[in-house]
């Protein structure tokens, strides 16, 4: 899923990507270590749990990404903000 987000607030325009990363092995999961200070934690959650944790606009993007995965397609949108 690819979304272009127009300039808003203090931010320039942005490209937002959601990728299907496949299934991680237990070893892969153990090696996850966020290094960017903006990332406070990594968690594996179901789509239902993710919908509750995400902001409304990100939850809509998740729905589009899941639909694209089901359709074996790519989703592109322009969200002007």
C-alpha atoms as a PDB file:
ATOM      1  CA  UNK A   1       0.000   0.000   0.000  1.00  0.00           C
ATOM      2  CA  UNK A   2       1.343   3.402  -0.971  1.00  0.00           C
ATOM      3  CA  UNK A   3      -0.215   6.673   0.082  1.00  0.00           C
ATOM      4  CA  UNK A   4       0.914  10.171  -0.848  1.00  0.00           C
ATOM      5  CA  UNK A   5       0.066  12.684   1.861  1.00  0.00           C
ATOM      6  CA  UNK A   6       0.171  16.352   0.948  1.00  0.00           C
ATOM      7  CA  UNK A   7       1.890  19.038   3.007  1.00  0.00           C
ATOM      8  CA  UNK A   8       0.142  19.732   6.295  1.00  0.00           C
ATOM      9  CA  UNK A   9       1.088  21.492   9.503  1.00  0.00           C
ATOM     10  CA  UNK A  10       4.857  21.729   9.830  1.00  0.00           C
ATOM     11  CA  UNK A  11       5.430  18.737   7.501  1.00  0.00           C
ATOM     12  CA  UNK A  12       6.254  18.568   3.819  1.00  0.00           C
ATOM     13  CA  UNK A  13       4.480  16.000   1.671  1.00  0.00           C
ATOM     14  CA  UNK A  14       5.090  12.366   2.599  1.00  0.00           C
ATOM     15  CA  UNK A  15       5.007   8.889   1.107  1.00  0.00           C
ATOM     16  CA  UNK A  16       3.611   6.232   3.420  1.00  0.00           C
ATOM     17  CA  UNK A  17       4.269   2.551   2.660  1.00  0.00           C
ATOM     18  CA  UNK A  18       2.769  -0.586   4.188  1.00  0.00           C
ATOM     19  CA  UNK A  19       4.480  -3.819   3.135  1.00  0.00           C
ATOM     20  CA  UNK A  20       3.571  -7.462   3.634  1.00  0.00           C
ATOM     21  CA  UNK A  21       6.637  -8.625   5.524  1.00  0.00           C
ATOM     22  CA  UNK A  22       5.650 -12.288   5.471  1.00  0.00           C
ATOM     23  CA  UNK A  23       5.838 -14.551   8.502  1.00  0.00           C
ATOM     24  CA  UNK A  24       8.721 -14.045  10.916  1.00  0.00           C
ATOM     25  CA  UNK A  25      10.454 -16.971  12.557  1.00  0.00           C
ATOM     26  CA  UNK A  26      10.885 -16.994  16.332  1.00  0.00           C
ATOM     27  CA  UNK A  27      14.561 -16.197  15.758  1.00  0.00           C
ATOM     28  CA  UNK A  28      13.620 -13.165  13.643  1.00  0.00           C
ATOM     29  CA  UNK A  29      11.228 -11.956  16.347  1.00  0.00           C
ATOM     30  CA  UNK A  30      13.918 -12.259  19.023  1.00  0.00           C
ATOM     31  CA  UNK A  31      16.240 -10.079  16.942  1.00  0.00           C
ATOM     32  CA  UNK A  32      13.797  -7.177  16.596  1.00  0.00           C
ATOM     33  CA  UNK A  33      15.400  -4.179  18.277  1.00  0.00           C
ATOM     34  CA  UNK A  34      14.102  -0.682  17.515  1.00  0.00           C
ATOM     35  CA  UNK A  35      16.991   1.732  17.100  1.00  0.00           C
ATOM     36  CA  UNK A  36      15.121   4.912  16.233  1.00  0.00           C
ATOM     37  CA  UNK A  37      14.123   6.944  19.306  1.00  0.00           C
ATOM     38  CA  UNK A  38      10.685   7.529  17.741  1.00  0.00           C
ATOM     39  CA  UNK A  39       9.943   3.783  18.022  1.00  0.00           C
ATOM     40  CA  UNK A  40       9.156   2.845  21.609  1.00  0.00           C
ATOM     41  CA  UNK A  41       8.186  -0.793  21.088  1.00  0.00           C
ATOM     42  CA  UNK A  42       7.531  -3.556  18.577  1.00  0.00           C
ATOM     43  CA  UNK A  43       4.466  -5.780  18.956  1.00  0.00           C
ATOM     44  CA  UNK A  44       2.737  -8.481  16.936  1.00  0.00           C
ATOM     45  CA  UNK A  45      -1.009  -7.880  17.004  1.00  0.00           C
ATOM     46  CA  UNK A  46      -4.005  -9.117  15.058  1.00  0.00           C
ATOM     47  CA  UNK A  47      -5.689  -6.808  12.539  1.00  0.00           C
ATOM     48  CA  UNK A  48      -8.538  -6.370  15.051  1.00  0.00           C
ATOM     49  CA  UNK A  49      -6.113  -5.288  17.780  1.00  0.00           C
ATOM     50  CA  UNK A  50      -4.278  -3.001  15.354  1.00  0.00           C
ATOM     51  CA  UNK A  51      -7.535  -1.214  14.487  1.00  0.00           C
ATOM     52  CA  UNK A  52      -7.940  -0.331  18.170  1.00  0.00           C
ATOM     53  CA  UNK A  53      -4.343   0.853  18.556  1.00  0.00           C
ATOM     54  CA  UNK A  54      -4.081   2.945  15.386  1.00  0.00           C
ATOM     55  CA  UNK A  55      -5.408   6.420  14.697  1.00  0.00           C
ATOM     56  CA  UNK A  56      -8.511   6.526  12.487  1.00  0.00           C
ATOM     57  CA  UNK A  57      -6.567   7.488   9.348  1.00  0.00           C
ATOM     58  CA  UNK A  58      -3.954   4.773   9.907  1.00  0.00           C
ATOM     59  CA  UNK A  59      -6.688   2.185  10.559  1.00  0.00           C
ATOM     60  CA  UNK A  60      -8.198   3.077   7.158  1.00  0.00           C
ATOM     61  CA  UNK A  61      -4.796   2.574   5.547  1.00  0.00           C
ATOM     62  CA  UNK A  62      -4.515  -0.801   7.276  1.00  0.00           C
ATOM     63  CA  UNK A  63      -7.894  -1.807   5.800  1.00  0.00           C
ATOM     64  CA  UNK A  64      -6.691  -0.812   2.330  1.00  0.00           C
ATOM     65  CA  UNK A  65      -3.445  -2.736   2.810  1.00  0.00           C
ATOM     66  CA  UNK A  66      -5.275  -5.867   3.986  1.00  0.00           C
ATOM     67  CA  UNK A  67      -7.664  -5.645   1.021  1.00  0.00           C
ATOM     68  CA  UNK A  68      -4.735  -5.270  -1.398  1.00  0.00           C
ATOM     69  CA  UNK A  69      -3.100  -8.314   0.194  1.00  0.00           C
ATOM     70  CA  UNK A  70      -6.302 -10.324  -0.223  1.00  0.00           C
ATOM     71  CA  UNK A  71      -6.650  -9.145  -3.846  1.00  0.00           C
ATOM     72  CA  UNK A  72      -2.945  -9.741  -4.564  1.00  0.00           C
ATOM     73  CA  UNK A  73      -2.753  -6.155  -5.775  1.00  0.00           C
ATOM     74  CA  UNK A  74      -1.120  -2.826  -4.982  1.00  0.00           C
ATOM     75  CA  UNK A  75      -3.083   0.059  -3.521  1.00  0.00           C
ATOM     76  CA  UNK A  76      -2.139   3.680  -4.255  1.00  0.00           C
ATOM     77  CA  UNK A  77      -3.960   6.748  -3.022  1.00  0.00           C
ATOM     78  CA  UNK A  78      -3.448  10.459  -2.655  1.00  0.00           C
ATOM     79  CA  UNK A  79      -4.583  11.902   0.649  1.00  0.00           C
ATOM     80  CA  UNK A  80      -4.177  15.668   0.328  1.00  0.00           C
ATOM     81  CA  UNK A  81      -4.661  16.324   4.077  1.00  0.00           C
END
